[in-house]
Amino acid sequence: FVAAISWNGAETYYSDSIMKCRVTISRDNAENT
């Protein structure tokens, strides 16, 4: 597991050990991406 993001992008969660502080997850629902 690396990261996860809620359906609306309001919440994010990152792995404690894999790539924490080195990744940022985001989403653009208008682009379904």
PDB file of all heavy atoms in Angstrom:
ATOM      1  N   PHE A   1       0.830  -1.202   0.000  1.00  0.00           N
ATOM      2  CA  PHE A   1       0.000   0.000   0.000  1.00  0.00           C
ATOM      3  C   PHE A   1       0.863   1.249   0.000  1.00  0.00           C
ATOM      4  O   PHE A   1       1.827   1.351   0.758  1.00  0.00           O
ATOM      5  CB  PHE A   1      -0.917   0.004   1.220  1.00  0.00           C
ATOM      6  CG  PHE A   1      -1.688   1.276   1.383  1.00  0.00           C
ATOM      7  CD1 PHE A   1      -2.783   1.552   0.582  1.00  0.00           C
ATOM      8  CD2 PHE A   1      -1.317   2.208   2.340  1.00  0.00           C
ATOM      9  CE1 PHE A   1      -3.497   2.726   0.726  1.00  0.00           C
ATOM     10  CE2 PHE A   1      -2.022   3.384   2.499  1.00  0.00           C
ATOM     11  CZ  PHE A   1      -3.115   3.645   1.684  1.00  0.00           C
ATOM     12  N   VAL A   2       0.495   2.206  -0.830  1.00  0.00           N
ATOM     13  CA  VAL A   2       1.220   3.461  -0.908  1.00  0.00           C
ATOM     14  C   VAL A   2       0.372   4.621  -0.386  1.00  0.00           C
ATOM     15  O   VAL A   2       0.783   5.355   0.512  1.00  0.00           O
ATOM     16  CB  VAL A   2       1.679   3.768  -2.347  1.00  0.00           C
ATOM     17  CG1 VAL A   2       2.376   5.123  -2.409  1.00  0.00           C
ATOM     18  CG2 VAL A   2       2.596   2.666  -2.845  1.00  0.00           C
ATOM     19  N   ALA A   3      -0.819   4.784  -0.945  1.00  0.00           N
ATOM     20  CA  ALA A   3      -1.670   5.911  -0.560  1.00  0.00           C
ATOM     21  C   ALA A   3      -3.102   5.663  -0.997  1.00  0.00           C
ATOM     22  O   ALA A   3      -3.364   4.854  -1.886  1.00  0.00           O
ATOM     23  CB  ALA A   3      -1.150   7.213  -1.180  1.00  0.00           C
ATOM     24  N   ALA A   4      -4.021   6.376  -0.370  1.00  0.00           N
ATOM     25  CA  ALA A   4      -5.426   6.303  -0.741  1.00  0.00           C
ATOM     26  C   ALA A   4      -6.058   7.675  -0.607  1.00  0.00           C
ATOM     27  O   ALA A   4      -5.570   8.534   0.132  1.00  0.00           O
ATOM     28  CB  ALA A   4      -6.169   5.295   0.132  1.00  0.00           C
ATOM     29  N   ILE A   5      -7.153   7.871  -1.305  1.00  0.00           N
ATOM     30  CA  ILE A   5      -7.852   9.147  -1.286  1.00  0.00           C
ATOM     31  C   ILE A   5      -9.347   8.905  -1.297  1.00  0.00           C
ATOM     32  O   ILE A   5      -9.837   7.991  -1.963  1.00  0.00           O
ATOM     33  CB  ILE A   5      -7.408  10.032  -2.479  1.00  0.00           C
ATOM     34  CG1 ILE A   5      -7.980  11.441  -2.352  1.00  0.00           C
ATOM     35  CG2 ILE A   5      -7.800   9.382  -3.805  1.00  0.00           C
ATOM     36  CD1 ILE A   5      -7.332  12.432  -3.316  1.00  0.00           C
ATOM     37  N   SER A   6     -10.082   9.719  -0.549  1.00  0.00           N
ATOM     38  CA  SER A   6     -11.526   9.569  -0.459  1.00  0.00           C
ATOM     39  C   SER A   6     -12.197   9.939  -1.773  1.00  0.00           C
ATOM     40  O   SER A   6     -11.573  10.505  -2.676  1.00  0.00           O
ATOM     41  CB  SER A   6     -12.082  10.422   0.679  1.00  0.00           C
ATOM     42  OG  SER A   6     -11.847  11.805   0.448  1.00  0.00           O
ATOM     43  N   TRP A   7     -13.481   9.652  -1.841  1.00  0.00           N
ATOM     44  CA  TRP A   7     -14.208   9.834  -3.093  1.00  0.00           C
ATOM     45  C   TRP A   7     -14.192  11.267  -3.604  1.00  0.00           C
ATOM     46  O   TRP A   7     -14.205  11.500  -4.820  1.00  0.00           O
ATOM     47  CB  TRP A   7     -15.657   9.372  -2.927  1.00  0.00           C
ATOM     48  CG  TRP A   7     -16.471  10.291  -2.050  1.00  0.00           C
ATOM     49  CD1 TRP A   7     -16.575  10.251  -0.694  1.00  0.00           C
ATOM     50  CD2 TRP A   7     -17.288  11.380  -2.488  1.00  0.00           C
ATOM     51  NE1 TRP A   7     -17.408  11.258  -0.243  1.00  0.00           N
ATOM     52  CE2 TRP A   7     -17.858  11.960  -1.329  1.00  0.00           C
ATOM     53  CE3 TRP A   7     -17.595  11.914  -3.733  1.00  0.00           C
ATOM     54  CZ2 TRP A   7     -18.713  13.059  -1.391  1.00  0.00           C
ATOM     55  CZ3 TRP A   7     -18.454  13.009  -3.797  1.00  0.00           C
ATOM     56  CH2 TRP A   7     -19.001  13.568  -2.635  1.00  0.00           C
ATOM     57  N   ASN A   8     -14.166  12.226  -2.690  1.00  0.00           N
ATOM     58  CA  ASN A   8     -14.197  13.630  -3.080  1.00  0.00           C
ATOM     59  C   ASN A   8     -12.848  14.322  -2.927  1.00  0.00           C
ATOM     60  O   ASN A   8     -12.752  15.533  -3.127  1.00  0.00           O
ATOM     61  CB  ASN A   8     -15.254  14.381  -2.282  1.00  0.00           C
ATOM     62  CG  ASN A   8     -14.988  14.364  -0.791  1.00  0.00           C
ATOM     63  OD1 ASN A   8     -14.063  13.703  -0.315  1.00  0.00           O
ATOM     64  ND2 ASN A   8     -15.803  15.086  -0.041  1.00  0.00           N
ATOM     65  N   GLY A   9     -11.838  13.564  -2.561  1.00  0.00           N
ATOM     66  CA  GLY A   9     -10.511  14.128  -2.412  1.00  0.00           C
ATOM     67  C   GLY A   9     -10.272  14.860  -1.114  1.00  0.00           C
ATOM     68  O   GLY A   9      -9.185  15.425  -0.917  1.00  0.00           O
ATOM     69  N   ALA A  10     -11.246  14.861  -0.218  1.00  0.00           N
ATOM     70  CA  ALA A  10     -11.120  15.594   1.028  1.00  0.00           C
ATOM     71  C   ALA A  10     -10.205  14.917   2.037  1.00  0.00           C
ATOM     72  O   ALA A  10      -9.656  15.579   2.915  1.00  0.00           O
ATOM     73  CB  ALA A  10     -12.494  15.815   1.655  1.00  0.00           C
ATOM     74  N   GLU A  11     -10.068  13.623   1.940  1.00  0.00           N
ATOM     75  CA  GLU A  11      -9.249  12.869   2.872  1.00  0.00           C
ATOM     76  C   GLU A  11      -8.202  12.066   2.119  1.00  0.00           C
ATOM     77  O   GLU A  11      -8.476  11.515   1.051  1.00  0.00           O
ATOM     78  CB  GLU A  11     -10.098  11.917   3.712  1.00  0.00           C
ATOM     79  CG  GLU A  11     -11.164  12.586   4.553  1.00  0.00           C
ATOM     80  CD  GLU A  11     -12.021  11.575   5.277  1.00  0.00           C
ATOM     81  OE1 GLU A  11     -11.603  11.092   6.344  1.00  0.00           O
ATOM     82  OE2 GLU A  11     -13.109  11.256   4.758  1.00  0.00           O
ATOM     83  N   THR A  12      -7.040  11.997   2.703  1.00  0.00           N
ATOM     84  CA  THR A  12      -5.971  11.180   2.145  1.00  0.00           C
ATOM     85  C   THR A  12      -5.320  10.363   3.242  1.00  0.00           C
ATOM     86  O   THR A  12      -5.360  10.732   4.416  1.00  0.00           O
ATOM     87  CB  THR A  12      -4.895  12.040   1.457  1.00  0.00           C
ATOM     88  OG1 THR A  12      -4.357  12.980   2.396  1.00  0.00           O
ATOM     89  CG2 THR A  12      -5.483  12.796   0.277  1.00  0.00           C
ATOM     90  N   TYR A  13      -4.725   9.266   2.851  1.00  0.00           N
ATOM     91  CA  TYR A  13      -4.026   8.413   3.795  1.00  0.00           C
ATOM     92  C   TYR A  13      -2.795   7.848   3.109  1.00  0.00           C
ATOM     93  O   TYR A  13      -2.850   7.426   1.952  1.00  0.00           O
ATOM     94  CB  TYR A  13      -4.917   7.278   4.298  1.00  0.00           C
ATOM     95  CG  TYR A  13      -4.197   6.353   5.234  1.00  0.00           C
ATOM     96  CD1 TYR A  13      -3.935   6.732   6.544  1.00  0.00           C
ATOM     97  CD2 TYR A  13      -3.735   5.108   4.807  1.00  0.00           C
ATOM     98  CE1 TYR A  13      -3.244   5.907   7.404  1.00  0.00           C
ATOM     99  CE2 TYR A  13      -3.044   4.277   5.659  1.00  0.00           C
ATOM    100  CZ  TYR A  13      -2.800   4.682   6.961  1.00  0.00           C
ATOM    101  OH  TYR A  13      -2.106   3.855   7.810  1.00  0.00           O
ATOM    102  N   TYR A  14      -1.697   7.804   3.860  1.00  0.00           N
ATOM    103  CA  TYR A  14      -0.442   7.326   3.314  1.00  0.00           C
ATOM    104  C   TYR A  14       0.135   6.199   4.153  1.00  0.00           C
ATOM    105  O   TYR A  14      -0.060   6.152   5.371  1.00  0.00           O
ATOM    106  CB  TYR A  14       0.579   8.465   3.242  1.00  0.00           C
ATOM    107  CG  TYR A  14       0.135   9.604   2.362  1.00  0.00           C
ATOM    108  CD1 TYR A  14      -0.542  10.697   2.886  1.00  0.00           C
ATOM    109  CD2 TYR A  14       0.378   9.575   0.991  1.00  0.00           C
ATOM    110  CE1 TYR A  14      -0.961  11.738   2.072  1.00  0.00           C
ATOM    111  CE2 TYR A  14      -0.038  10.608   0.174  1.00  0.00           C
ATOM    112  CZ  TYR A  14      -0.709  11.688   0.716  1.00  0.00           C
ATOM    113  OH  TYR A  14      -1.125  12.721  -0.089  1.00  0.00           O
ATOM    114  N   SER A  15       0.845   5.330   3.503  1.00  0.00           N
ATOM    115  CA  SER A  15       1.548   4.277   4.209  1.00  0.00           C
ATOM    116  C   SER A  15       2.526   4.882   5.205  1.00  0.00           C
ATOM    117  O   SER A  15       3.154   5.913   4.926  1.00  0.00           O
ATOM    118  CB  SER A  15       2.303   3.382   3.217  1.00  0.00           C
ATOM    119  OG  SER A  15       3.182   2.509   3.891  1.00  0.00           O
ATOM    120  N   ASP A  16       2.656   4.228   6.351  1.00  0.00           N
ATOM    121  CA  ASP A  16       3.583   4.712   7.366  1.00  0.00           C
ATOM    122  C   ASP A  16       5.038   4.453   7.011  1.00  0.00           C
ATOM    123  O   ASP A  16       5.936   5.094   7.557  1.00  0.00           O
ATOM    124  CB  ASP A  16       3.281   4.060   8.716  1.00  0.00           C
ATOM    125  CG  ASP A  16       2.015   4.575   9.348  1.00  0.00           C
ATOM    126  OD1 ASP A  16       1.614   5.720   9.046  1.00  0.00           O
ATOM    127  OD2 ASP A  16       1.415   3.838  10.154  1.00  0.00           O
ATOM    128  N   SER A  17       5.270   3.516   6.135  1.00  0.00           N
ATOM    129  CA  SER A  17       6.642   3.075   5.910  1.00  0.00           C
ATOM    130  C   SER A  17       7.106   3.018   4.465  1.00  0.00           C
ATOM    131  O   SER A  17       8.305   3.106   4.203  1.00  0.00           O
ATOM    132  CB  SER A  17       6.843   1.690   6.538  1.00  0.00           C
ATOM    133  OG  SER A  17       5.956   0.739   5.970  1.00  0.00           O
ATOM    134  N   ILE A  18       6.215   2.867   3.541  1.00  0.00           N
ATOM    135  CA  ILE A  18       6.626   2.638   2.161  1.00  0.00           C
ATOM    136  C   ILE A  18       7.206   3.882   1.508  1.00  0.00           C
ATOM    137  O   ILE A  18       8.381   3.921   1.127  1.00  0.00           O
ATOM    138  CB  ILE A  18       5.477   2.074   1.310  1.00  0.00           C
ATOM    139  CG1 ILE A  18       4.969   0.766   1.933  1.00  0.00           C
ATOM    140  CG2 ILE A  18       5.946   1.824  -0.117  1.00  0.00           C
ATOM    141  CD1 ILE A  18       6.035  -0.308   2.063  1.00  0.00           C
ATOM    142  N   MET A  19       6.396   4.910   1.361  1.00  0.00           N
ATOM    143  CA  MET A  19       6.870   6.131   0.708  1.00  0.00           C
ATOM    144  C   MET A  19       6.361   7.387   1.404  1.00  0.00           C
ATOM    145  O   MET A  19       6.204   8.433   0.774  1.00  0.00           O
ATOM    146  CB  MET A  19       6.444   6.159  -0.765  1.00  0.00           C
ATOM    147  CG  MET A  19       7.004   5.039  -1.619  1.00  0.00           C
ATOM    148  SD  MET A  19       6.506   5.151  -3.360  1.00  0.00           S
ATOM    149  CE  MET A  19       7.529   6.524  -3.907  1.00  0.00           C
ATOM    150  N   LYS A  20       6.131   7.279   2.693  1.00  0.00           N
ATOM    151  CA  LYS A  20       5.596   8.407   3.442  1.00  0.00           C
ATOM    152  C   LYS A  20       6.500   9.629   3.327  1.00  0.00           C
ATOM    153  O   LYS A  20       7.713   9.521   3.416  1.00  0.00           O
ATOM    154  CB  LYS A  20       5.414   8.026   4.911  1.00  0.00           C
ATOM    155  CG  LYS A  20       4.660   9.068   5.715  1.00  0.00           C
ATOM    156  CD  LYS A  20       4.343   8.583   7.112  1.00  0.00           C
ATOM    157  CE  LYS A  20       3.515   9.599   7.878  1.00  0.00           C
ATOM    158  NZ  LYS A  20       3.160   9.102   9.232  1.00  0.00           N
ATOM    159  N   CYS A  21       5.875  10.771   3.125  1.00  0.00           N
ATOM    160  CA  CYS A  21       6.555  12.054   2.966  1.00  0.00           C
ATOM    161  C   CYS A  21       7.220  12.203   1.609  1.00  0.00           C
ATOM    162  O   CYS A  21       7.861  13.224   1.340  1.00  0.00           O
ATOM    163  CB  CYS A  21       7.569  12.308   4.080  1.00  0.00           C
ATOM    164  SG  CYS A  21       6.868  12.332   5.733  1.00  0.00           S
ATOM    165  N   ARG A  22       7.076  11.204   0.778  1.00  0.00           N
ATOM    166  CA  ARG A  22       7.651  11.284  -0.559  1.00  0.00           C
ATOM    167  C   ARG A  22       6.593  11.153  -1.644  1.00  0.00           C
ATOM    168  O   ARG A  22       6.938  11.087  -2.824  1.00  0.00           O
ATOM    169  CB  ARG A  22       8.737  10.231  -0.749  1.00  0.00           C
ATOM    170  CG  ARG A  22       9.931  10.415   0.174  1.00  0.00           C
ATOM    171  CD  ARG A  22      11.137   9.597  -0.275  1.00  0.00           C
ATOM    172  NE  ARG A  22      10.891   8.165  -0.177  1.00  0.00           N
ATOM    173  CZ  ARG A  22      10.865   7.338  -1.216  1.00  0.00           C
ATOM    174  NH1 ARG A  22      11.049   7.805  -2.443  1.00  0.00           N
ATOM    175  NH2 ARG A  22      10.657   6.042  -1.035  1.00  0.00           N
ATOM    176  N   VAL A  23       5.331  11.100  -1.255  1.00  0.00           N
ATOM    177  CA  VAL A  23       4.248  11.003  -2.228  1.00  0.00           C
ATOM    178  C   VAL A  23       3.090  11.892  -1.820  1.00  0.00           C
ATOM    179  O   VAL A  23       2.864  12.160  -0.639  1.00  0.00           O
ATOM    180  CB  VAL A  23       3.741   9.554  -2.401  1.00  0.00           C
ATOM    181  CG1 VAL A  23       4.802   8.681  -3.040  1.00  0.00           C
ATOM    182  CG2 VAL A  23       3.308   8.978  -1.061  1.00  0.00           C
ATOM    183  N   THR A  24       2.349  12.345  -2.811  1.00  0.00           N
ATOM    184  CA  THR A  24       1.126  13.089  -2.589  1.00  0.00           C
ATOM    185  C   THR A  24       0.058  12.541  -3.527  1.00  0.00           C
ATOM    186  O   THR A  24       0.265  12.500  -4.742  1.00  0.00           O
ATOM    187  CB  THR A  24       1.312  14.586  -2.853  1.00  0.00           C
ATOM    188  OG1 THR A  24       2.292  15.121  -1.964  1.00  0.00           O
ATOM    189  CG2 THR A  24      -0.003  15.331  -2.630  1.00  0.00           C
ATOM    190  N   ILE A  25      -1.047  12.116  -2.960  1.00  0.00           N
ATOM    191  CA  ILE A  25      -2.144  11.615  -3.766  1.00  0.00           C
ATOM    192  C   ILE A  25      -3.192  12.706  -3.922  1.00  0.00           C
ATOM    193  O   ILE A  25      -3.461  13.473  -3.000  1.00  0.00           O
ATOM    194  CB  ILE A  25      -2.753  10.339  -3.149  1.00  0.00           C
ATOM    195  CG1 ILE A  25      -3.756   9.693  -4.119  1.00  0.00           C
ATOM    196  CG2 ILE A  25      -3.400  10.633  -1.805  1.00  0.00           C
ATOM    197  CD1 ILE A  25      -4.223   8.311  -3.673  1.00  0.00           C
ATOM    198  N   SER A  26      -3.776  12.786  -5.089  1.00  0.00           N
ATOM    199  CA  SER A  26      -4.811  13.771  -5.365  1.00  0.00           C
ATOM    200  C   SER A  26      -5.742  13.219  -6.434  1.00  0.00           C
ATOM    201  O   SER A  26      -5.459  12.186  -7.048  1.00  0.00           O
ATOM    202  CB  SER A  26      -4.198  15.102  -5.812  1.00  0.00           C
ATOM    203  OG  SER A  26      -3.455  14.940  -7.007  1.00  0.00           O
ATOM    204  N   ARG A  27      -6.854  13.905  -6.637  1.00  0.00           N
ATOM    205  CA  ARG A  27      -7.764  13.461  -7.685  1.00  0.00           C
ATOM    206  C   ARG A  27      -8.506  14.633  -8.288  1.00  0.00           C
ATOM    207  O   ARG A  27      -8.712  15.671  -7.655  1.00  0.00           O
ATOM    208  CB  ARG A  27      -8.744  12.409  -7.148  1.00  0.00           C
ATOM    209  CG  ARG A  27      -9.791  12.923  -6.175  1.00  0.00           C
ATOM    210  CD  ARG A  27     -10.579  11.765  -5.548  1.00  0.00           C
ATOM    211  NE  ARG A  27     -11.237  10.942  -6.562  1.00  0.00           N
ATOM    212  CZ  ARG A  27     -11.735   9.721  -6.349  1.00  0.00           C
ATOM    213  NH1 ARG A  27     -11.611   9.171  -5.135  1.00  0.00           N
ATOM    214  NH2 ARG A  27     -12.329   9.053  -7.328  1.00  0.00           N
ATOM    215  N   ASP A  28      -8.917  14.442  -9.518  1.00  0.00           N
ATOM    216  CA  ASP A  28      -9.700  15.416 -10.253  1.00  0.00           C
ATOM    217  C   ASP A  28     -10.901  14.666 -10.793  1.00  0.00           C
ATOM    218  O   ASP A  28     -10.815  13.995 -11.823  1.00  0.00           O
ATOM    219  CB  ASP A  28      -8.877  16.029 -11.381  1.00  0.00           C
ATOM    220  CG  ASP A  28      -9.617  17.120 -12.127  1.00  0.00           C
ATOM    221  OD1 ASP A  28     -10.849  17.237 -11.967  1.00  0.00           O
ATOM    222  OD2 ASP A  28      -8.965  17.867 -12.872  1.00  0.00           O
ATOM    223  N   ASN A  29     -12.002  14.765 -10.086  1.00  0.00           N
ATOM    224  CA  ASN A  29     -13.182  13.996 -10.469  1.00  0.00           C
ATOM    225  C   ASN A  29     -13.787  14.451 -11.794  1.00  0.00           C
ATOM    226  O   ASN A  29     -14.451  13.667 -12.472  1.00  0.00           O
ATOM    227  CB  ASN A  29     -14.232  14.059  -9.362  1.00  0.00           C
ATOM    228  CG  ASN A  29     -13.872  13.199  -8.167  1.00  0.00           C
ATOM    229  OD1 ASN A  29     -12.917  12.421  -8.224  1.00  0.00           O
ATOM    230  ND2 ASN A  29     -14.619  13.336  -7.088  1.00  0.00           N
ATOM    231  N   ALA A  30     -13.567  15.704 -12.148  1.00  0.00           N
ATOM    232  CA  ALA A  30     -14.048  16.184 -13.436  1.00  0.00           C
ATOM    233  C   ALA A  30     -13.362  15.444 -14.578  1.00  0.00           C
ATOM    234  O   ALA A  30     -13.931  15.293 -15.661  1.00  0.00           O
ATOM    235  CB  ALA A  30     -13.828  17.681 -13.569  1.00  0.00           C
ATOM    236  N   GLU A  31     -12.145  15.000 -14.327  1.00  0.00           N
ATOM    237  CA  GLU A  31     -11.391  14.254 -15.321  1.00  0.00           C
ATOM    238  C   GLU A  31     -11.357  12.764 -15.015  1.00  0.00           C
ATOM    239  O   GLU A  31     -10.713  12.004 -15.744  1.00  0.00           O
ATOM    240  CB  GLU A  31      -9.965  14.793 -15.412  1.00  0.00           C
ATOM    241  CG  GLU A  31      -9.881  16.243 -15.868  1.00  0.00           C
ATOM    242  CD  GLU A  31     -10.313  16.419 -17.302  1.00  0.00           C
ATOM    243  OE1 GLU A  31     -10.133  15.485 -18.103  1.00  0.00           O
ATOM    244  OE2 GLU A  31     -10.844  17.498 -17.640  1.00  0.00           O
ATOM    245  N   ASN A  32     -12.019  12.358 -13.940  1.00  0.00           N
ATOM    246  CA  ASN A  32     -12.040  10.956 -13.527  1.00  0.00           C
ATOM    247  C   ASN A  32     -10.630  10.400 -13.375  1.00  0.00           C
ATOM    248  O   ASN A  32     -10.343   9.270 -13.787  1.00  0.00           O
ATOM    249  CB  ASN A  32     -12.837  10.108 -14.522  1.00  0.00           C
ATOM    250  CG  ASN A  32     -14.288  10.512 -14.601  1.00  0.00           C
ATOM    251  OD1 ASN A  32     -14.955  10.640 -13.576  1.00  0.00           O
ATOM    252  ND2 ASN A  32     -14.787  10.714 -15.803  1.00  0.00           N
ATOM    253  N   THR A  33      -9.784  11.191 -12.777  1.00  0.00           N
ATOM    254  CA  THR A  33      -8.378  10.832 -12.696  1.00  0.00           C
ATOM    255  C   THR A  33      -7.835  10.995 -11.281  1.00  0.00           C
ATOM    256  O   THR A  33      -8.142  11.972 -10.604  1.00  0.00           O
ATOM    257  CB  THR A  33      -7.542  11.678 -13.661  1.00  0.00           C
ATOM    258  OG1 THR A  33      -8.041  11.508 -14.992  1.00  0.00           O
ATOM    259  CG2 THR A  33      -6.083  11.264 -13.632  1.00  0.00           C
TER     260      THR A  33
END
